[in-house]
Amino acid sequence: MIVMEETIKKEKFVIKGLAGRKTLSGSISISGAKNVVLPIMASSILFEDGFTATNVPEIEDVKRMGELLEQIGVGVEQKNKNTYSFKIKKQFNKELNKEISKKMRASILLTGPMLARFGEVHFPHPGGCVIGKRPIDLFVNGFEKMGAEIKDENDGYKIYTKNGKLNGAEIFFNLQSHTATETFLMAGVLAKGKTVLKNCAMEPEIKNLADFLVSHGAKINGAGTSTIKIIGSGLLKDKKIKYVTMPDRIETGSFLILGALSAKKMVIEKCNPDDMEVVINILKESGVNIKTTKNEIIVENNNSKQIFNGVNIKTHEYPGFPTDLQAPMTIFLTQAQGESTMFETIFEGRLNYTENLVRMGAEILVWNPYKIEIKGPRKLKGKKLESPDIRAGLAFVIASIIAKGESEIDNVYYIDRGYENIEGKLSGIGVDIKRTESSQ
């Protein structure tokens, strides 16, 4: 059983920088993917009994999702490190916990399964990282097409169906959204009739989720493409198949960028290089020496005199450059020769963290809320920083490692939301990083 935590620990990282030296070495293993394990957990509502998941990352968002499920009526038990079981109880609560939901946008993943199974769900305006407007129009419009009625109340939403059942529908997403795709993919499993989703997100996590649901009885075709078809079926059943969480490609890319900047030789283990093709290609184009095997990425022949060339990057839905790697890649570009541009096409406001990089010594020109120009290479100096969100928080860790002097990064809870044992993994390859209590 997951026990809800009343308070969030105020902690910080203290990092002694390498001043541009490439001294890190060794192997670093990739944890299970945050962006697939959360919808996998949410899908437990679709089950008649339950299932077991392994390689589950020990991160804060997993804990919060577990708390939400417990309060709904799903038993969540941690069997051992990285292994959880999910069992359906007899009593269900149709209202999501407001405090947790406001802090984690992924809570909206629960709305599809809950509405499909119970015909009703109450939830607050979802929260999460402050990275620009993230409207829920895609969700509201989609549920209405499936026959639901929505009441926008002061503290959130109440969605319900007249006969307690969603109807299959054809839904076109005006914007590709992996969260919306996953939500309606799960909703369609218990909806009456056929559901067709168009302009879907195509991330590997989408297909992984669909394959998991199919292995337990769902009828889904087309996951991983822009059109997904789901035939509504009965409740899913545990077939004694342990789900193994796929490797986290955002963590993989983050460590790959760190390795390019600070490692003599680094081996990234237990990853899927095929999912990282665009990142690997861009780094190779810039001058990074990279080799791959079936489940490893190796940065080698790296030295402090090596010059990287600037590149222009535009974030895009998969298989384009991931928006979640935009901040770490910007750190890389501060150390590349010449002028580079970063064009963020997914979230406005996601470039606000660059003000702190300028404080550290980076030369960055903000053209507008979506585009910046980076001139490099520039030597960075350690500073006191605060994590503004999950991905920029990890980018600050990378910046602190390559900087000269000591840096302090407050609000590490954000980093803990998305990365498992980050200081342990980094210490293992030679980073001088310590977690201490924060006075903030």
Protein backbone atom coordinates (compact mmCIF):
# COMPACT_ATOMS: atom_id res chain seq x y z
CA MET A 1 0.00 0.00 0.00
CA ILE A 2 1.24 3.49 -0.88
CA VAL A 3 1.19 5.89 2.05
CA MET A 4 0.41 9.49 1.17
CA GLU A 5 3.10 11.98 2.14
CA GLU A 6 1.79 15.09 3.86
CA THR A 7 4.75 17.32 3.13
CA ILE A 8 7.43 17.59 0.48
CA LYS A 9 11.00 17.60 1.75
CA LYS A 10 12.91 20.78 0.98
CA GLU A 11 16.22 19.61 -0.37
CA LYS A 12 18.96 20.85 -2.66
CA PHE A 13 21.87 19.49 -4.66
CA VAL A 14 25.37 20.81 -4.10
CA ILE A 15 27.56 20.15 -7.15
CA LYS A 16 31.25 20.85 -7.65
CA GLY A 17 31.79 21.59 -11.33
CA LEU A 18 34.45 20.20 -13.63
CA ALA A 19 35.25 23.57 -15.24
CA GLY A 20 34.90 22.09 -18.71
CA ARG A 21 37.15 19.07 -18.10
CA LYS A 22 36.02 15.71 -19.48
CA THR A 23 36.82 13.38 -16.61
CA LEU A 24 33.63 11.36 -16.10
CA SER A 25 33.85 7.67 -16.96
CA GLY A 26 32.04 4.39 -16.46
CA SER A 27 28.57 3.02 -17.05
CA ILE A 28 25.19 4.46 -16.21
CA SER A 29 21.94 2.47 -16.37
CA ILE A 30 18.60 3.79 -17.60
CA SER A 31 15.49 3.40 -15.45
CA GLY A 32 11.97 2.60 -16.58
CA ALA A 33 10.17 5.32 -18.52
CA LYS A 34 8.12 7.85 -16.55
CA ASN A 35 6.03 8.68 -19.61
CA VAL A 36 4.74 5.14 -20.04
CA VAL A 37 4.57 3.80 -16.49
CA LEU A 38 2.06 6.49 -15.44
CA PRO A 39 -0.52 5.53 -18.12
CA ILE A 40 0.19 1.84 -17.42
CA MET A 41 -0.69 2.50 -13.77
CA ALA A 42 -3.82 4.44 -14.81
CA SER A 43 -4.94 1.50 -16.96
CA SER A 44 -5.35 -0.64 -13.82
CA ILE A 45 -8.88 0.83 -13.62
CA LEU A 46 -9.74 -1.12 -16.80
CA PHE A 47 -8.97 -4.47 -15.17
CA GLU A 48 -11.31 -7.01 -13.64
CA ASP A 49 -8.54 -8.10 -11.27
CA GLY A 50 -5.12 -6.47 -11.68
CA PHE A 51 -1.54 -6.99 -12.83
CA THR A 52 2.12 -6.74 -11.84
CA ALA A 53 4.62 -4.25 -13.29
CA THR A 54 8.41 -4.45 -13.05
CA ASN A 55 11.23 -1.99 -13.76
CA VAL A 56 9.00 0.74 -12.33
CA PRO A 57 11.14 3.84 -11.64
CA GLU A 58 11.31 4.96 -8.01
CA ILE A 59 10.29 8.54 -8.73
CA GLU A 60 7.92 10.98 -7.06
CA ASP A 61 5.34 10.93 -9.89
CA VAL A 62 4.96 7.16 -9.46
CA LYS A 63 4.32 7.68 -5.75
CA ARG A 64 1.72 10.36 -6.44
CA MET A 65 -0.05 8.25 -9.06
CA GLY A 66 -0.09 5.37 -6.59
CA GLU A 67 -1.73 7.61 -4.00
CA LEU A 68 -4.39 8.69 -6.48
CA LEU A 69 -5.16 5.08 -7.41
CA GLU A 70 -5.40 4.04 -3.75
CA GLN A 71 -7.97 6.74 -3.09
CA ILE A 72 -9.99 5.74 -6.16
CA GLY A 73 -10.14 2.09 -5.17
CA VAL A 74 -7.10 0.36 -6.68
CA GLY A 75 -4.83 -1.48 -4.27
CA VAL A 76 -1.20 -0.55 -4.94
CA GLU A 77 1.48 -2.67 -3.33
CA GLN A 78 5.23 -2.43 -3.76
CA LYS A 79 6.45 -6.03 -3.86
CA ASN A 80 10.13 -5.12 -3.90
CA LYS A 81 12.35 -2.46 -5.46
CA ASN A 82 10.91 -1.45 -8.86
CA THR A 83 8.07 -4.03 -8.74
CA TYR A 84 4.44 -3.12 -8.01
CA SER A 85 1.14 -4.98 -8.07
CA PHE A 86 -2.24 -3.40 -8.76
CA LYS A 87 -5.44 -5.04 -7.49
CA ILE A 88 -9.01 -3.84 -7.97
CA LYS A 89 -11.09 -3.31 -4.81
CA LYS A 90 -14.87 -3.53 -4.51
CA GLN A 91 -15.50 0.09 -3.57
CA PHE A 92 -14.64 2.98 -5.88
CA ASN A 93 -14.39 6.73 -5.43
CA LYS A 94 -15.20 8.76 -8.54
CA GLU A 95 -13.44 11.93 -7.40
CA LEU A 96 -9.71 12.53 -7.81
CA ASN A 97 -7.78 13.93 -4.87
CA LYS A 98 -7.53 17.68 -5.48
CA GLU A 99 -4.19 18.34 -3.78
CA ILE A 100 -2.30 15.64 -5.67
CA SER A 101 -4.00 16.27 -9.01
CA LYS A 102 -3.19 19.97 -8.92
CA LYS A 103 0.51 19.15 -8.58
CA MET A 104 0.70 16.51 -11.31
CA ARG A 105 -0.74 16.95 -14.78
CA ALA A 106 -0.50 13.22 -15.46
CA SER A 107 -3.50 12.84 -13.14
CA ILE A 108 -5.66 13.61 -16.17
CA LEU A 109 -4.73 10.17 -17.54
CA LEU A 110 -7.13 8.69 -14.99
CA THR A 111 -10.16 10.47 -16.43
CA GLY A 112 -10.46 8.24 -19.52
CA PRO A 113 -10.40 4.88 -17.69
CA MET A 114 -12.64 6.18 -14.86
CA LEU A 115 -15.27 7.60 -17.21
CA ALA A 116 -15.21 4.44 -19.34
CA ARG A 117 -15.69 2.16 -16.34
CA PHE A 118 -17.87 4.18 -13.96
CA GLY A 119 -19.57 6.68 -16.27
CA GLU A 120 -18.53 9.57 -14.04
CA VAL A 121 -15.41 11.39 -12.85
CA HIS A 122 -14.72 14.54 -10.83
CA PHE A 123 -11.32 16.17 -11.12
CA PRO A 124 -9.69 19.57 -10.50
CA HIS A 125 -7.89 21.66 -13.06
CA PRO A 126 -4.74 19.55 -13.56
CA GLY A 127 -1.40 20.99 -12.49
CA GLY A 128 2.24 20.02 -12.97
CA CYS A 129 5.23 21.89 -14.31
CA VAL A 130 4.85 25.55 -15.19
CA ILE A 131 5.90 25.39 -18.85
CA GLY A 132 3.22 27.39 -20.55
CA LYS A 133 -0.48 26.91 -21.27
CA ARG A 134 -1.59 23.30 -21.42
CA PRO A 135 -5.34 23.49 -22.09
CA ILE A 136 -7.58 20.45 -21.69
CA ASP A 137 -9.78 21.28 -24.70
CA LEU A 138 -8.65 18.07 -26.40
CA PHE A 139 -10.03 16.08 -23.48
CA VAL A 140 -13.30 17.99 -23.10
CA ASN A 141 -14.09 17.85 -26.82
CA GLY A 142 -13.18 14.18 -27.05
CA PHE A 143 -15.34 13.13 -24.11
CA GLU A 144 -18.27 15.09 -25.53
CA LYS A 145 -17.95 13.18 -28.82
CA MET A 146 -18.10 9.95 -26.82
CA GLY A 147 -21.44 11.02 -25.31
CA ALA A 148 -20.32 12.56 -22.04
CA GLU A 149 -21.55 15.80 -20.51
CA ILE A 150 -19.13 18.23 -18.87
CA LYS A 151 -19.77 20.70 -16.10
CA ASP A 152 -16.99 23.25 -15.56
CA GLU A 153 -17.23 24.02 -11.85
CA ASN A 154 -15.26 26.53 -9.79
CA ASP A 155 -12.77 24.00 -8.49
CA GLY A 156 -12.65 21.67 -11.49
CA TYR A 157 -14.75 19.50 -13.76
CA LYS A 158 -17.54 16.96 -13.41
CA ILE A 159 -17.92 14.62 -16.39
CA TYR A 160 -20.65 12.01 -16.60
CA THR A 161 -22.65 9.88 -19.06
CA LYS A 162 -26.41 9.45 -19.08
CA ASN A 163 -26.38 5.67 -19.23
CA GLY A 164 -23.10 5.07 -17.41
CA LYS A 165 -21.25 4.15 -20.60
CA LEU A 166 -19.07 5.92 -23.13
CA ASN A 167 -19.85 5.45 -26.81
CA GLY A 168 -17.23 4.80 -29.45
CA ALA A 169 -16.56 7.84 -31.64
CA GLU A 170 -14.24 9.29 -34.25
CA ILE A 171 -11.96 11.85 -32.63
CA PHE A 172 -9.50 14.09 -34.46
CA PHE A 173 -6.90 15.77 -32.27
CA ASN A 174 -6.19 19.30 -33.49
CA LEU A 175 -2.80 18.99 -31.80
CA GLN A 176 -0.76 15.84 -31.38
CA SER A 177 -0.73 15.06 -27.68
CA HIS A 178 0.68 11.90 -26.14
CA THR A 179 -1.38 12.42 -22.96
CA ALA A 180 -4.64 12.85 -24.90
CA THR A 181 -3.80 9.91 -27.17
CA GLU A 182 -3.14 7.66 -24.15
CA THR A 183 -6.26 8.86 -22.32
CA PHE A 184 -8.64 8.13 -25.20
CA LEU A 185 -6.81 4.94 -26.13
CA MET A 186 -7.69 3.66 -22.64
CA ALA A 187 -11.22 5.11 -22.74
CA GLY A 188 -11.92 3.29 -26.00
CA VAL A 189 -11.12 -0.09 -24.46
CA LEU A 190 -14.36 -0.09 -22.43
CA ALA A 191 -16.45 2.19 -24.67
CA LYS A 192 -19.41 0.75 -26.57
CA GLY A 193 -18.52 0.10 -30.21
CA LYS A 194 -15.60 1.40 -32.26
CA THR A 195 -13.37 4.37 -31.46
CA VAL A 196 -11.10 5.91 -34.10
CA LEU A 197 -8.40 8.37 -33.01
CA LYS A 198 -6.79 10.55 -35.69
CA ASN A 199 -3.66 12.74 -35.64
CA CYS A 200 -2.41 10.69 -32.70
CA ALA A 201 0.95 11.07 -31.02
CA MET A 202 3.37 8.42 -32.27
CA GLU A 203 5.89 8.16 -29.43
CA PRO A 204 7.23 4.67 -28.62
CA GLU A 205 5.44 4.91 -25.27
CA ILE A 206 2.06 4.94 -27.08
CA LYS A 207 2.71 1.62 -28.81
CA ASN A 208 4.14 0.16 -25.62
CA LEU A 209 0.93 1.02 -23.74
CA ALA A 210 -1.24 -0.39 -26.53
CA ASP A 211 0.76 -3.63 -26.70
CA PHE A 212 0.34 -4.05 -22.94
CA LEU A 213 -3.45 -3.55 -23.15
CA VAL A 214 -3.73 -5.95 -26.10
CA SER A 215 -1.80 -8.61 -24.18
CA HIS A 216 -4.55 -8.47 -21.55
CA GLY A 217 -7.51 -8.62 -23.92
CA ALA A 218 -7.96 -5.19 -25.54
CA LYS A 219 -8.62 -4.84 -29.27
CA ILE A 220 -6.38 -2.09 -30.64
CA ASN A 221 -4.83 -1.51 -34.06
CA GLY A 222 -2.53 1.21 -35.40
CA ALA A 223 -0.74 2.32 -32.22
CA GLY A 224 2.51 3.99 -33.21
CA THR A 225 0.86 5.54 -36.28
CA SER A 226 -1.29 8.66 -36.60
CA THR A 227 -4.55 6.65 -36.64
CA ILE A 228 -5.54 4.22 -33.89
CA LYS A 229 -8.66 2.04 -33.92
CA ILE A 230 -10.11 0.50 -30.76
CA ILE A 231 -13.01 -1.94 -30.50
CA GLY A 232 -14.67 -1.74 -27.10
CA SER A 233 -14.42 -4.98 -25.12
CA GLY A 234 -14.98 -6.20 -21.60
CA LEU A 235 -12.79 -5.61 -18.58
CA LEU A 236 -9.18 -6.65 -19.04
CA LYS A 237 -7.85 -9.67 -17.18
CA ASP A 238 -4.60 -10.54 -15.50
CA LYS A 239 -2.98 -13.27 -17.57
CA LYS A 240 0.00 -13.63 -15.25
CA ILE A 241 2.11 -11.59 -17.65
CA LYS A 242 4.48 -9.29 -15.80
CA TYR A 243 4.76 -5.94 -17.51
CA VAL A 244 8.37 -4.73 -17.90
CA THR A 245 8.60 -0.94 -18.16
CA MET A 246 10.49 0.20 -21.26
CA PRO A 247 13.67 2.32 -20.87
CA ASP A 248 13.23 6.06 -20.39
CA ARG A 249 14.37 7.75 -23.60
CA ILE A 250 14.40 11.23 -22.01
CA GLU A 251 16.76 10.05 -19.28
CA THR A 252 18.80 8.32 -22.00
CA GLY A 253 19.11 11.53 -24.00
CA SER A 254 19.97 13.59 -20.93
CA PHE A 255 22.84 11.29 -19.96
CA LEU A 256 24.00 11.15 -23.57
CA ILE A 257 24.27 14.96 -23.65
CA LEU A 258 26.08 14.94 -20.30
CA GLY A 259 28.49 12.31 -21.62
CA ALA A 260 29.25 14.39 -24.70
CA LEU A 261 30.06 17.39 -22.52
CA SER A 262 31.91 15.84 -19.58
CA ALA A 263 32.97 12.22 -20.13
CA LYS A 264 36.19 10.63 -21.36
CA LYS A 265 34.17 7.52 -22.10
CA MET A 266 30.65 6.70 -20.98
CA VAL A 267 28.49 3.65 -21.60
CA ILE A 268 24.73 4.19 -21.30
CA GLU A 269 23.23 0.78 -20.50
CA LYS A 270 19.75 -0.75 -20.63
CA CYS A 271 18.47 1.76 -23.18
CA ASN A 272 16.92 1.61 -26.64
CA PRO A 273 19.16 3.50 -29.14
CA ASP A 274 16.53 3.17 -31.89
CA ASP A 275 14.26 5.55 -29.96
CA MET A 276 17.09 8.12 -29.81
CA GLU A 277 17.85 8.37 -33.52
CA VAL A 278 17.26 12.10 -33.94
CA VAL A 279 19.31 13.01 -30.83
CA ILE A 280 22.18 10.72 -31.82
CA ASN A 281 22.22 12.08 -35.37
CA ILE A 282 22.31 15.72 -34.21
CA LEU A 283 25.10 15.08 -31.71
CA LYS A 284 27.12 13.19 -34.32
CA GLU A 285 26.61 16.08 -36.75
CA SER A 286 27.99 18.42 -34.08
CA GLY A 287 31.10 16.26 -33.69
CA VAL A 288 30.39 13.85 -30.83
CA ASN A 289 31.85 10.35 -31.20
CA ILE A 290 29.00 7.91 -30.58
CA LYS A 291 28.62 4.16 -31.10
CA THR A 292 25.56 2.02 -30.43
CA THR A 293 24.75 -1.61 -29.77
CA LYS A 294 21.32 -3.21 -29.32
CA ASN A 295 20.84 -1.74 -25.85
CA GLU A 296 23.81 0.55 -25.27
CA ILE A 297 25.05 3.97 -26.38
CA ILE A 298 28.78 4.66 -26.02
CA VAL A 299 30.38 8.12 -26.01
CA GLU A 300 34.11 7.60 -26.64
CA ASN A 301 37.34 9.28 -27.71
CA ASN A 302 36.08 12.39 -25.97
CA ASN A 303 38.63 15.00 -24.85
CA SER A 304 38.61 18.55 -23.56
CA LYS A 305 40.18 19.91 -26.74
CA GLN A 306 37.45 18.52 -28.97
CA ILE A 307 35.41 21.22 -30.69
CA PHE A 308 31.69 20.79 -31.22
CA ASN A 309 29.91 22.65 -34.00
CA GLY A 310 26.75 24.63 -33.41
CA VAL A 311 23.48 23.27 -34.82
CA ASN A 312 19.96 24.58 -35.27
CA ILE A 313 17.23 22.58 -33.55
CA LYS A 314 13.45 22.65 -33.77
CA THR A 315 11.49 20.59 -31.27
CA HIS A 316 8.80 18.43 -32.78
CA GLU A 317 6.50 15.55 -31.95
CA TYR A 318 8.08 12.10 -32.29
CA PRO A 319 10.10 11.15 -34.28
CA GLY A 320 11.33 14.75 -34.16
CA PHE A 321 13.56 16.26 -31.48
CA PRO A 322 11.82 15.85 -28.07
CA THR A 323 10.68 18.97 -26.28
CA ASP A 324 11.68 17.25 -23.02
CA LEU A 325 15.33 17.30 -24.18
CA GLN A 326 15.25 20.90 -25.31
CA ALA A 327 16.71 22.29 -22.06
CA PRO A 328 19.59 19.75 -21.75
CA MET A 329 20.41 20.30 -25.43
CA THR A 330 20.56 24.05 -24.89
CA ILE A 331 23.28 23.40 -22.29
CA PHE A 332 25.20 21.46 -24.94
CA LEU A 333 24.88 24.34 -27.41
CA THR A 334 26.43 26.80 -24.93
CA GLN A 335 29.63 24.74 -25.40
CA ALA A 336 29.41 24.44 -29.20
CA GLN A 337 31.34 26.63 -31.64
CA GLY A 338 29.48 29.45 -33.36
CA GLU A 339 25.80 30.38 -33.36
CA SER A 340 22.99 27.92 -32.76
CA THR A 341 19.23 28.34 -32.52
CA MET A 342 16.67 26.48 -30.46
CA PHE A 343 13.06 26.72 -31.64
CA GLU A 344 10.54 25.36 -29.13
CA THR A 345 7.32 24.48 -30.98
CA ILE A 346 5.37 22.61 -28.30
CA PHE A 347 5.13 24.80 -25.17
CA GLU A 348 5.46 28.55 -24.89
CA GLY A 349 7.21 29.65 -21.73
CA ARG A 350 9.49 26.64 -21.73
CA LEU A 351 12.55 28.80 -22.44
CA ASN A 352 12.28 30.88 -19.27
CA TYR A 353 15.03 28.86 -17.58
CA THR A 354 17.62 30.42 -19.93
CA GLU A 355 17.79 33.53 -17.72
CA ASN A 356 19.68 31.43 -15.18
CA LEU A 357 22.07 30.12 -17.83
CA VAL A 358 22.92 33.71 -18.70
CA ARG A 359 23.67 34.29 -15.01
CA MET A 360 26.10 31.37 -15.25
CA GLY A 361 27.89 32.97 -18.21
CA ALA A 362 26.02 31.68 -21.25
CA GLU A 363 25.38 34.07 -24.15
CA ILE A 364 21.75 33.60 -25.14
CA LEU A 365 19.56 35.97 -27.11
CA VAL A 366 15.81 35.50 -26.64
CA TRP A 367 14.04 36.29 -29.91
CA ASN A 368 10.55 35.51 -28.65
CA PRO A 369 8.88 33.06 -26.21
CA TYR A 370 9.59 30.23 -28.65
CA LYS A 371 13.05 30.88 -30.05
CA ILE A 372 16.54 31.61 -28.73
CA GLU A 373 19.99 32.07 -30.23
CA ILE A 374 23.00 30.59 -28.40
CA LYS A 375 26.58 31.74 -29.01
CA GLY A 376 29.41 29.50 -27.91
CA PRO A 377 31.49 28.16 -26.54
CA ARG A 378 31.14 30.03 -23.25
CA LYS A 379 32.60 29.08 -19.87
CA LEU A 380 29.94 28.66 -17.21
CA LYS A 381 30.33 29.54 -13.52
CA GLY A 382 28.60 27.86 -10.59
CA LYS A 383 25.55 29.65 -9.17
CA LYS A 384 22.63 29.17 -6.82
CA LEU A 385 19.71 27.95 -8.90
CA GLU A 386 16.17 26.67 -8.42
CA SER A 387 14.51 23.94 -10.50
CA PRO A 388 11.55 25.47 -12.36
CA ASP A 389 10.33 22.13 -13.74
CA ILE A 390 11.42 18.50 -14.20
CA ARG A 391 13.43 18.87 -17.41
CA ALA A 392 14.99 22.30 -16.79
CA GLY A 393 15.92 21.08 -13.32
CA LEU A 394 17.96 18.24 -14.81
CA ALA A 395 19.45 20.70 -17.32
CA PHE A 396 20.67 22.82 -14.39
CA VAL A 397 22.37 19.72 -13.00
CA ILE A 398 24.20 19.26 -16.33
CA ALA A 399 25.13 22.97 -16.44
CA SER A 400 26.47 22.78 -12.88
CA ILE A 401 28.61 19.76 -13.74
CA ILE A 402 30.36 21.51 -16.63
CA ALA A 403 30.66 24.85 -14.80
CA LYS A 404 33.60 26.18 -12.80
CA GLY A 405 33.07 26.27 -9.05
CA GLU A 406 30.21 25.12 -6.86
CA SER A 407 26.51 25.28 -7.65
CA GLU A 408 23.44 24.79 -5.48
CA ILE A 409 20.17 23.64 -7.02
CA ASP A 410 17.08 24.10 -4.86
CA ASN A 411 13.63 22.58 -5.33
CA VAL A 412 15.03 19.18 -6.31
CA TYR A 413 11.58 17.67 -5.76
CA TYR A 414 10.91 18.55 -9.40
CA ILE A 415 13.94 16.54 -10.49
CA ASP A 416 12.88 13.64 -8.26
CA ARG A 417 9.52 13.61 -10.02
CA GLY A 418 11.14 12.39 -13.23
CA TYR A 419 14.54 10.86 -12.44
CA GLU A 420 15.35 7.88 -10.22
CA ASN A 421 18.31 8.15 -7.82
CA ILE A 422 19.89 10.86 -9.96
CA GLU A 423 22.67 11.69 -7.48
CA GLY A 424 23.54 8.01 -7.05
CA LYS A 425 23.84 7.46 -10.79
CA LEU A 426 25.92 10.60 -11.30
CA SER A 427 28.22 9.86 -8.36
CA GLY A 428 28.88 6.46 -9.92
CA ILE A 429 30.52 8.06 -12.97
CA GLY A 430 32.53 10.63 -11.02
CA VAL A 431 30.25 13.63 -10.40
CA ASP A 432 30.75 15.38 -7.05
CA ILE A 433 27.10 15.80 -6.08
CA LYS A 434 25.46 15.79 -2.65
CA ARG A 435 21.86 16.06 -1.50
CA THR A 436 21.32 18.23 1.58
CA GLU A 437 18.46 19.98 3.36
CA SER A 438 17.45 23.31 1.91
CA SER A 439 16.77 26.44 3.93
CA GLN A 440 14.18 27.64 1.41
